[in-house]
Protein backbone atom coordinates (compact mmCIF):
# COMPACT_ATOMS: atom_id res chain seq x y z
CA MET A 1 152.18 121.71 114.65
CA ASN A 2 153.46 119.00 117.00
CA GLU A 3 152.14 115.46 117.55
CA LYS A 4 150.16 116.42 120.68
CA GLU A 5 148.30 119.21 118.83
CA LYS A 6 147.55 116.87 115.89
CA TRP A 7 146.23 114.20 118.32
CA ASN A 8 144.00 116.71 120.13
CA ARG A 9 142.65 118.09 116.87
CA GLN A 10 141.79 114.53 115.77
CA VAL A 11 140.03 113.82 119.02
CA ARG A 12 137.96 117.03 118.85
CA ARG A 13 137.12 116.40 115.21
CA THR A 14 136.02 112.76 115.95
CA ALA A 15 134.00 113.80 118.98
CA PHE A 16 132.17 116.59 117.09
CA LEU A 17 131.46 114.40 114.06
CA THR A 18 130.23 111.56 116.31
CA VAL A 19 127.82 113.85 118.16
CA ALA A 20 126.58 115.41 114.95
CA LEU A 21 125.93 111.89 113.42
CA ALA A 22 124.12 110.75 116.55
CA ALA A 23 121.98 113.83 116.37
CA ALA A 24 121.27 113.17 112.70
CA LEU A 25 120.28 109.57 113.59
CA VAL A 26 117.81 110.79 116.25
CA PHE A 27 116.41 113.25 113.76
CA GLY A 28 116.03 110.57 111.10
CA ILE A 29 114.26 108.30 113.54
CA LEU A 30 111.83 111.15 114.35
CA VAL A 31 111.22 111.69 110.71
CA LEU A 32 110.56 108.02 110.24
CA ALA A 33 108.18 108.09 113.21
CA SER A 34 106.20 110.84 111.48
CA TRP A 35 105.56 108.39 108.58
CA ASP A 36 107.79 110.22 106.19
CA TRP A 37 109.63 107.11 104.90
CA ILE A 38 111.93 108.23 102.13
CA PRO A 39 113.70 111.12 103.74
CA GLY A 40 113.75 109.38 107.12
CA THR A 41 115.32 106.28 105.62
CA VAL A 42 117.98 108.34 103.79
CA ILE A 43 118.84 110.32 106.92
CA VAL A 44 118.99 107.09 109.15
CA VAL A 45 121.13 105.24 106.62
CA ALA A 46 123.56 108.07 105.98
CA SER A 47 124.02 108.73 109.68
CA LEU A 48 124.54 105.01 110.46
CA VAL A 49 127.10 104.69 107.66
CA GLY A 50 128.95 107.74 108.98
CA LEU A 51 128.90 106.29 112.53
CA VAL A 52 130.20 102.92 111.24
CA ARG A 53 133.02 104.68 109.49
CA GLU A 54 133.99 106.50 112.67
CA VAL A 55 134.20 103.34 114.84
CA PRO A 56 137.78 102.47 113.68
CA VAL A 57 138.98 105.97 114.26
CA ILE A 58 137.36 106.03 117.78
CA ARG A 59 139.00 102.55 118.57
CA ARG A 60 142.43 103.84 117.37
CA LEU A 61 142.16 107.00 119.47
CA CYS A 62 141.08 105.08 122.57
CA SER A 63 143.69 102.38 122.29
CA THR A 64 146.72 104.58 121.78
CA PRO A 65 148.05 106.86 124.53
CA ALA A 66 148.19 110.58 123.87
CA PRO A 67 151.64 111.79 122.79
CA GLU A 68 153.64 113.69 125.34
CA PRO A 69 153.78 117.49 124.98
CA PRO A 70 157.21 118.85 123.91
CA ARG A 71 159.55 119.57 126.74
CA SER A 72 160.59 123.21 127.11
CA ALA A 73 164.26 124.09 127.05
CA GLN A 74 164.02 126.23 130.11
CA THR A 75 165.73 125.20 133.28
CA SER A 76 164.46 126.49 136.63
């Protein structure tokens, strides 16, 4: 697996995980709004911790350019 594929896989993984954690946060807020304090608090805290842990990864992916794809050996 080359560097471009690794970088793309990391971007997809981070995007998927961020969307899932944001959805969990919304769900936790809805649970809290329905006056179910203990599970709502656990869901909100867990999703916030997960999102906070993803911030450095997102910052690193956004600040570094994507690696160039490998050049083919073909000459036209």
